[in-house]
Amino acid sequence: MTAGDEENGAPSTEVPRGAQGMMAMFVSLDDAPPPPQVVKAMSGVVGFLGAVSLLLGLVLAIWPSATLKVGAALVAINFLLSGVLRLVIGALRTGYSGAMRAVMLIFGMLLVIGGVVMLRNLDSSAKVLLLITVLMVGLGWIVEGVMALVDSSNARSRGWAIAAGALSLLAGIVVLVIPGWTAVVFVAFTAFALILLGVAGLVRSFTMRRSLKAA
């Protein structure tokens, strides 16, 4: 830019030197590969999560009943801890009104009772939790199918939208009509998906470490 341009009030297109330095720094950061320590840590996390997923999938596939019992026990323990916490808060917290403290105490007591009942009947609790999960999935598919059918007129491909909505609606109805058979398929599919995710995570962790060694 010349002095005449400045006098004529023409806008300047030259980037200040400080801004050029900042832009160069950001570009170099964006183009540079992540540090080896970050890659190593990420590979460790990915490998750990993959191993956990693979282990859970294998356990669920080999011992589905025992795995579901463990899940029910964890839910029951969570109910117990949450109930005790609410009982303590309702009894000791002075900032709440009388009605709020009463609700807190009643809710805490119900959680404690529910947790105790679940721990004493793990078989039934596991089946009930699995059934509730399957029914929630079925209801979700029905809602998703209805929404897809209603909104099919706004889709780019109305035929595909109607087909997808009808399929989701039909799958949800099947789940609600025969939840027992669906629960078996659901457990098998969950175990298979966990195994696949675990293997993929371990492979990804291995490739990350191998690329780090190659660099």
C-alpha atoms as a PDB file:
ATOM      1  CA  MET A   1       0.000   0.000   0.000  1.00  0.00           C
ATOM      2  CA  THR A   2       1.383   3.411  -1.000  1.00  0.00           C
ATOM      3  CA  ALA A   3       1.170   6.694   0.831  1.00  0.00           C
ATOM      4  CA  GLY A   4      -1.234   7.943  -1.840  1.00  0.00           C
ATOM      5  CA  ASP A   5      -3.609   5.149  -1.113  1.00  0.00           C
ATOM      6  CA  GLU A   6      -3.563   6.045   2.581  1.00  0.00           C
ATOM      7  CA  GLU A   7      -4.303   9.667   1.784  1.00  0.00           C
ATOM      8  CA  ASN A   8      -7.177   8.696  -0.527  1.00  0.00           C
ATOM      9  CA  GLY A   9      -8.706   6.560   2.219  1.00  0.00           C
ATOM     10  CA  ALA A  10      -8.423   3.289   0.273  1.00  0.00           C
ATOM     11  CA  PRO A  11      -8.831   0.203   2.497  1.00  0.00           C
ATOM     12  CA  SER A  12      -5.655  -1.644   3.321  1.00  0.00           C
ATOM     13  CA  THR A  13      -5.362  -5.314   2.336  1.00  0.00           C
ATOM     14  CA  GLU A  14      -1.996  -5.878   3.961  1.00  0.00           C
ATOM     15  CA  VAL A  15      -2.040  -8.185   7.006  1.00  0.00           C
ATOM     16  CA  PRO A  16      -0.095  -6.791   9.978  1.00  0.00           C
ATOM     17  CA  ARG A  17       3.093  -8.580  10.875  1.00  0.00           C
ATOM     18  CA  GLY A  18       1.753  -9.654  14.262  1.00  0.00           C
ATOM     19  CA  ALA A  19      -1.332 -11.174  12.684  1.00  0.00           C
ATOM     20  CA  GLN A  20       0.837 -12.923  10.103  1.00  0.00           C
ATOM     21  CA  GLY A  21       2.842 -14.482  12.899  1.00  0.00           C
ATOM     22  CA  MET A  22      -0.299 -15.663  14.677  1.00  0.00           C
ATOM     23  CA  MET A  23      -1.721 -17.106  11.439  1.00  0.00           C
ATOM     24  CA  ALA A  24       1.525 -18.920  10.722  1.00  0.00           C
ATOM     25  CA  MET A  25       1.530 -20.357  14.236  1.00  0.00           C
ATOM     26  CA  PHE A  26      -2.049 -21.656  13.941  1.00  0.00           C
ATOM     27  CA  VAL A  27      -1.385 -23.120  10.501  1.00  0.00           C
ATOM     28  CA  SER A  28       1.685 -24.904  11.787  1.00  0.00           C
ATOM     29  CA  LEU A  29      -0.295 -26.271  14.751  1.00  0.00           C
ATOM     30  CA  ASP A  30      -3.087 -27.490  12.487  1.00  0.00           C
ATOM     31  CA  ASP A  31      -0.695 -29.134  10.040  1.00  0.00           C
ATOM     32  CA  ALA A  32       1.585 -30.687  12.654  1.00  0.00           C
ATOM     33  CA  PRO A  33       0.855 -34.258  13.842  1.00  0.00           C
ATOM     34  CA  PRO A  34      -0.117 -34.733  17.494  1.00  0.00           C
ATOM     35  CA  PRO A  35       2.742 -35.251  19.936  1.00  0.00           C
ATOM     36  CA  PRO A  36       3.836 -38.868  20.536  1.00  0.00           C
ATOM     37  CA  GLN A  37       2.752 -38.665  24.168  1.00  0.00           C
ATOM     38  CA  VAL A  38      -0.799 -37.766  23.129  1.00  0.00           C
ATOM     39  CA  VAL A  39      -0.927 -40.585  20.571  1.00  0.00           C
ATOM     40  CA  LYS A  40       0.381 -43.068  23.132  1.00  0.00           C
ATOM     41  CA  ALA A  41      -2.174 -41.970  25.714  1.00  0.00           C
ATOM     42  CA  MET A  42      -5.001 -42.099  23.180  1.00  0.00           C
ATOM     43  CA  SER A  43      -3.980 -45.577  22.046  1.00  0.00           C
ATOM     44  CA  GLY A  44      -3.969 -46.724  25.658  1.00  0.00           C
ATOM     45  CA  VAL A  45      -7.457 -45.375  26.279  1.00  0.00           C
ATOM     46  CA  VAL A  46      -8.798 -46.840  23.026  1.00  0.00           C
ATOM     47  CA  GLY A  47      -7.207 -50.200  23.807  1.00  0.00           C
ATOM     48  CA  PHE A  48      -8.580 -50.254  27.350  1.00  0.00           C
ATOM     49  CA  LEU A  49     -12.106 -49.416  26.203  1.00  0.00           C
ATOM     50  CA  GLY A  50     -11.853 -52.001  23.445  1.00  0.00           C
ATOM     51  CA  ALA A  51     -10.725 -54.688  25.903  1.00  0.00           C
ATOM     52  CA  VAL A  52     -13.575 -53.847  28.296  1.00  0.00           C
ATOM     53  CA  SER A  53     -16.115 -53.929  25.469  1.00  0.00           C
ATOM     54  CA  LEU A  54     -14.752 -57.253  24.180  1.00  0.00           C
ATOM     55  CA  LEU A  55     -14.808 -58.758  27.672  1.00  0.00           C
ATOM     56  CA  LEU A  56     -18.373 -57.603  28.330  1.00  0.00           C
ATOM     57  CA  GLY A  57     -19.519 -58.948  24.971  1.00  0.00           C
ATOM     58  CA  LEU A  58     -17.928 -62.353  25.575  1.00  0.00           C
ATOM     59  CA  VAL A  59     -19.331 -62.575  29.095  1.00  0.00           C
ATOM     60  CA  LEU A  60     -22.791 -61.596  27.883  1.00  0.00           C
ATOM     61  CA  ALA A  61     -22.619 -64.132  25.055  1.00  0.00           C
ATOM     62  CA  ILE A  62     -21.357 -67.008  27.230  1.00  0.00           C
ATOM     63  CA  TRP A  63     -23.214 -66.283  30.482  1.00  0.00           C
ATOM     64  CA  PRO A  64     -26.192 -64.065  29.563  1.00  0.00           C
ATOM     65  CA  SER A  65     -28.208 -64.939  32.668  1.00  0.00           C
ATOM     66  CA  ALA A  66     -25.344 -64.239  35.082  1.00  0.00           C
ATOM     67  CA  THR A  67     -24.469 -60.996  33.281  1.00  0.00           C
ATOM     68  CA  LEU A  68     -28.047 -59.777  33.520  1.00  0.00           C
ATOM     69  CA  LYS A  69     -28.048 -60.629  37.229  1.00  0.00           C
ATOM     70  CA  VAL A  70     -24.926 -58.532  37.715  1.00  0.00           C
ATOM     71  CA  GLY A  71     -26.613 -55.652  35.898  1.00  0.00           C
ATOM     72  CA  ALA A  72     -29.692 -55.998  38.080  1.00  0.00           C
ATOM     73  CA  ALA A  73     -27.509 -56.068  41.191  1.00  0.00           C
ATOM     74  CA  LEU A  74     -25.755 -52.870  40.139  1.00  0.00           C
ATOM     75  CA  VAL A  75     -29.110 -51.173  39.577  1.00  0.00           C
ATOM     76  CA  ALA A  76     -30.317 -52.396  42.973  1.00  0.00           C
ATOM     77  CA  ILE A  77     -27.188 -51.063  44.694  1.00  0.00           C
ATOM     78  CA  ASN A  78     -27.699 -47.740  42.941  1.00  0.00           C
ATOM     79  CA  PHE A  79     -31.283 -47.651  44.235  1.00  0.00           C
ATOM     80  CA  LEU A  80     -30.073 -48.378  47.765  1.00  0.00           C
ATOM     81  CA  LEU A  81     -27.394 -45.697  47.744  1.00  0.00           C
ATOM     82  CA  SER A  82     -29.720 -43.117  46.198  1.00  0.00           C
ATOM     83  CA  GLY A  83     -32.442 -43.967  48.708  1.00  0.00           C
ATOM     84  CA  VAL A  84     -30.124 -43.688  51.699  1.00  0.00           C
ATOM     85  CA  LEU A  85     -28.780 -40.381  50.397  1.00  0.00           C
ATOM     86  CA  ARG A  86     -32.294 -38.985  50.043  1.00  0.00           C
ATOM     87  CA  LEU A  87     -33.225 -40.196  53.516  1.00  0.00           C
ATOM     88  CA  VAL A  88     -30.200 -38.472  55.010  1.00  0.00           C
ATOM     89  CA  ILE A  89     -30.861 -35.252  53.090  1.00  0.00           C
ATOM     90  CA  GLY A  90     -34.562 -35.292  54.003  1.00  0.00           C
ATOM     91  CA  ALA A  91     -33.784 -35.854  57.689  1.00  0.00           C
ATOM     92  CA  LEU A  92     -30.894 -33.428  58.099  1.00  0.00           C
ATOM     93  CA  ARG A  93     -31.469 -30.694  55.511  1.00  0.00           C
ATOM     94  CA  THR A  94     -33.104 -27.720  57.202  1.00  0.00           C
ATOM     95  CA  GLY A  95     -33.501 -25.514  54.150  1.00  0.00           C
ATOM     96  CA  TYR A  96     -36.383 -27.560  52.719  1.00  0.00           C
ATOM     97  CA  SER A  97     -40.018 -27.088  53.619  1.00  0.00           C
ATOM     98  CA  GLY A  98     -41.903 -29.740  55.551  1.00  0.00           C
ATOM     99  CA  ALA A  99     -43.667 -31.000  52.438  1.00  0.00           C
ATOM    100  CA  MET A 100     -40.425 -31.225  50.476  1.00  0.00           C
ATOM    101  CA  ARG A 101     -38.702 -33.133  53.276  1.00  0.00           C
ATOM    102  CA  ALA A 102     -41.649 -35.531  53.493  1.00  0.00           C
ATOM    103  CA  VAL A 103     -41.489 -36.186  49.750  1.00  0.00           C
ATOM    104  CA  MET A 104     -37.731 -36.704  49.990  1.00  0.00           C
ATOM    105  CA  LEU A 105     -38.117 -39.180  52.846  1.00  0.00           C
ATOM    106  CA  ILE A 106     -40.915 -41.124  51.124  1.00  0.00           C
ATOM    107  CA  PHE A 107     -39.021 -41.281  47.836  1.00  0.00           C
ATOM    108  CA  GLY A 108     -35.851 -42.378  49.616  1.00  0.00           C
ATOM    109  CA  MET A 109     -37.717 -45.101  51.469  1.00  0.00           C
ATOM    110  CA  LEU A 110     -39.265 -46.379  48.237  1.00  0.00           C
ATOM    111  CA  LEU A 111     -35.830 -46.520  46.611  1.00  0.00           C
ATOM    112  CA  VAL A 112     -34.395 -48.444  49.555  1.00  0.00           C
ATOM    113  CA  ILE A 113     -37.292 -50.911  49.522  1.00  0.00           C
ATOM    114  CA  GLY A 114     -36.984 -51.322  45.756  1.00  0.00           C
ATOM    115  CA  GLY A 115     -33.245 -51.957  46.042  1.00  0.00           C
ATOM    116  CA  VAL A 116     -33.725 -54.571  48.769  1.00  0.00           C
ATOM    117  CA  VAL A 117     -36.465 -56.333  46.790  1.00  0.00           C
ATOM    118  CA  MET A 118     -34.296 -56.406  43.682  1.00  0.00           C
ATOM    119  CA  LEU A 119     -31.309 -57.836  45.573  1.00  0.00           C
ATOM    120  CA  ARG A 120     -33.485 -60.573  47.074  1.00  0.00           C
ATOM    121  CA  ASN A 121     -34.937 -61.476  43.649  1.00  0.00           C
ATOM    122  CA  LEU A 122     -32.124 -60.987  41.136  1.00  0.00           C
ATOM    123  CA  ASP A 123     -33.530 -63.464  38.621  1.00  0.00           C
ATOM    124  CA  SER A 124     -36.879 -61.734  38.407  1.00  0.00           C
ATOM    125  CA  SER A 125     -35.287 -58.295  38.574  1.00  0.00           C
ATOM    126  CA  ALA A 126     -32.974 -59.081  35.652  1.00  0.00           C
ATOM    127  CA  LYS A 127     -35.897 -60.323  33.550  1.00  0.00           C
ATOM    128  CA  VAL A 128     -38.002 -57.279  34.411  1.00  0.00           C
ATOM    129  CA  LEU A 129     -35.180 -54.852  33.603  1.00  0.00           C
ATOM    130  CA  LEU A 130     -34.523 -56.602  30.298  1.00  0.00           C
ATOM    131  CA  LEU A 131     -38.229 -56.553  29.479  1.00  0.00           C
ATOM    132  CA  ILE A 132     -38.499 -52.847  30.307  1.00  0.00           C
ATOM    133  CA  THR A 133     -35.470 -52.107  28.114  1.00  0.00           C
ATOM    134  CA  VAL A 134     -36.920 -54.064  25.204  1.00  0.00           C
ATOM    135  CA  LEU A 135     -40.325 -52.387  25.557  1.00  0.00           C
ATOM    136  CA  MET A 136     -38.692 -48.959  25.626  1.00  0.00           C
ATOM    137  CA  VAL A 137     -36.807 -49.830  22.436  1.00  0.00           C
ATOM    138  CA  GLY A 138     -40.054 -50.984  20.817  1.00  0.00           C
ATOM    139  CA  LEU A 139     -41.888 -47.815  21.810  1.00  0.00           C
ATOM    140  CA  GLY A 140     -38.996 -45.726  20.513  1.00  0.00           C
ATOM    141  CA  TRP A 141     -39.134 -47.480  17.146  1.00  0.00           C
ATOM    142  CA  ILE A 142     -42.881 -46.926  16.928  1.00  0.00           C
ATOM    143  CA  VAL A 143     -42.556 -43.222  17.696  1.00  0.00           C
ATOM    144  CA  GLU A 144     -39.681 -42.902  15.224  1.00  0.00           C
ATOM    145  CA  GLY A 145     -41.682 -44.708  12.536  1.00  0.00           C
ATOM    146  CA  VAL A 146     -44.754 -42.533  13.031  1.00  0.00           C
ATOM    147  CA  MET A 147     -42.644 -39.365  12.894  1.00  0.00           C
ATOM    148  CA  ALA A 148     -40.928 -40.575   9.728  1.00  0.00           C
ATOM    149  CA  LEU A 149     -44.269 -41.290   8.059  1.00  0.00           C
ATOM    150  CA  VAL A 150     -45.711 -37.931   9.085  1.00  0.00           C
ATOM    151  CA  ASP A 151     -42.613 -36.085   7.864  1.00  0.00           C
ATOM    152  CA  SER A 152     -42.230 -38.146   4.670  1.00  0.00           C
ATOM    153  CA  SER A 153     -43.774 -35.392   2.537  1.00  0.00           C
ATOM    154  CA  ASN A 154     -40.799 -33.130   3.356  1.00  0.00           C
ATOM    155  CA  ALA A 155     -38.149 -35.755   2.597  1.00  0.00           C
ATOM    156  CA  ARG A 156     -36.104 -35.734  -0.598  1.00  0.00           C
ATOM    157  CA  SER A 157     -37.049 -39.317  -1.354  1.00  0.00           C
ATOM    158  CA  ARG A 158     -40.574 -39.835  -0.119  1.00  0.00           C
ATOM    159  CA  GLY A 159     -40.579 -43.507  -1.034  1.00  0.00           C
ATOM    160  CA  TRP A 160     -37.513 -44.282   1.055  1.00  0.00           C
ATOM    161  CA  ALA A 161     -38.860 -42.212   3.945  1.00  0.00           C
ATOM    162  CA  ILE A 162     -42.172 -44.078   3.910  1.00  0.00           C
ATOM    163  CA  ALA A 163     -40.388 -47.435   3.683  1.00  0.00           C
ATOM    164  CA  ALA A 164     -38.072 -46.583   6.589  1.00  0.00           C
ATOM    165  CA  GLY A 165     -40.953 -45.297   8.702  1.00  0.00           C
ATOM    166  CA  ALA A 166     -43.086 -48.356   7.968  1.00  0.00           C
ATOM    167  CA  LEU A 167     -40.183 -50.688   8.787  1.00  0.00           C
ATOM    168  CA  SER A 168     -39.481 -48.912  12.075  1.00  0.00           C
ATOM    169  CA  LEU A 169     -43.176 -48.975  12.970  1.00  0.00           C
ATOM    170  CA  LEU A 170     -43.477 -52.675  12.122  1.00  0.00           C
ATOM    171  CA  ALA A 171     -40.349 -53.526  14.133  1.00  0.00           C
ATOM    172  CA  GLY A 172     -41.690 -51.658  17.160  1.00  0.00           C
ATOM    173  CA  ILE A 173     -45.015 -53.484  16.952  1.00  0.00           C
ATOM    174  CA  VAL A 174     -43.252 -56.853  16.714  1.00  0.00           C
ATOM    175  CA  VAL A 175     -41.184 -55.990  19.788  1.00  0.00           C
ATOM    176  CA  LEU A 176     -44.304 -55.122  21.793  1.00  0.00           C
ATOM    177  CA  VAL A 177     -46.235 -58.189  20.616  1.00  0.00           C
ATOM    178  CA  ILE A 178     -43.479 -60.759  21.324  1.00  0.00           C
ATOM    179  CA  PRO A 179     -41.188 -59.111  23.872  1.00  0.00           C
ATOM    180  CA  GLY A 180     -39.808 -62.415  25.188  1.00  0.00           C
ATOM    181  CA  TRP A 181     -38.402 -63.556  21.853  1.00  0.00           C
ATOM    182  CA  THR A 182     -37.215 -60.019  21.152  1.00  0.00           C
ATOM    183  CA  ALA A 183     -35.353 -59.949  24.466  1.00  0.00           C
ATOM    184  CA  VAL A 184     -33.336 -63.022  23.467  1.00  0.00           C
ATOM    185  CA  VAL A 185     -32.447 -61.442  20.115  1.00  0.00           C
ATOM    186  CA  PHE A 186     -31.670 -58.151  21.848  1.00  0.00           C
ATOM    187  CA  VAL A 187     -29.208 -59.804  24.249  1.00  0.00           C
ATOM    188  CA  ALA A 188     -27.521 -61.703  21.419  1.00  0.00           C
ATOM    189  CA  PHE A 189     -27.271 -58.581  19.272  1.00  0.00           C
ATOM    190  CA  THR A 190     -25.864 -56.549  22.182  1.00  0.00           C
ATOM    191  CA  ALA A 191     -23.202 -59.178  22.864  1.00  0.00           C
ATOM    192  CA  PHE A 192     -22.275 -59.347  19.177  1.00  0.00           C
ATOM    193  CA  ALA A 193     -22.064 -55.552  18.915  1.00  0.00           C
ATOM    194  CA  LEU A 194     -19.877 -55.316  22.030  1.00  0.00           C
ATOM    195  CA  ILE A 195     -17.523 -57.964  20.664  1.00  0.00           C
ATOM    196  CA  LEU A 196     -17.212 -56.168  17.329  1.00  0.00           C
ATOM    197  CA  LEU A 197     -16.626 -52.809  19.020  1.00  0.00           C
ATOM    198  CA  GLY A 198     -14.022 -54.363  21.303  1.00  0.00           C
ATOM    199  CA  VAL A 199     -12.103 -55.960  18.446  1.00  0.00           C
ATOM    200  CA  ALA A 200     -12.243 -52.716  16.459  1.00  0.00           C
ATOM    201  CA  GLY A 201     -10.933 -50.783  19.451  1.00  0.00           C
ATOM    202  CA  LEU A 202      -8.038 -53.162  20.006  1.00  0.00           C
ATOM    203  CA  VAL A 203      -7.113 -53.071  16.316  1.00  0.00           C
ATOM    204  CA  ARG A 204      -7.279 -49.291  16.350  1.00  0.00           C
ATOM    205  CA  SER A 205      -5.049 -49.117  19.426  1.00  0.00           C
ATOM    206  CA  PHE A 206      -2.519 -51.461  17.798  1.00  0.00           C
ATOM    207  CA  THR A 207      -2.391 -49.445  14.575  1.00  0.00           C
ATOM    208  CA  MET A 208      -1.934 -46.209  16.532  1.00  0.00           C
ATOM    209  CA  ARG A 209       1.020 -47.641  18.441  1.00  0.00           C
ATOM    210  CA  ARG A 210       2.520 -49.123  15.271  1.00  0.00           C
ATOM    211  CA  SER A 211       2.293 -45.764  13.474  1.00  0.00           C
ATOM    212  CA  LEU A 212       3.958 -44.156  16.476  1.00  0.00           C
ATOM    213  CA  LYS A 213       6.865 -46.620  16.303  1.00  0.00           C
ATOM    214  CA  ALA A 214       7.166 -46.171  12.541  1.00  0.00           C
ATOM    215  CA  ALA A 215       7.443 -42.395  12.977  1.00  0.00           C
END
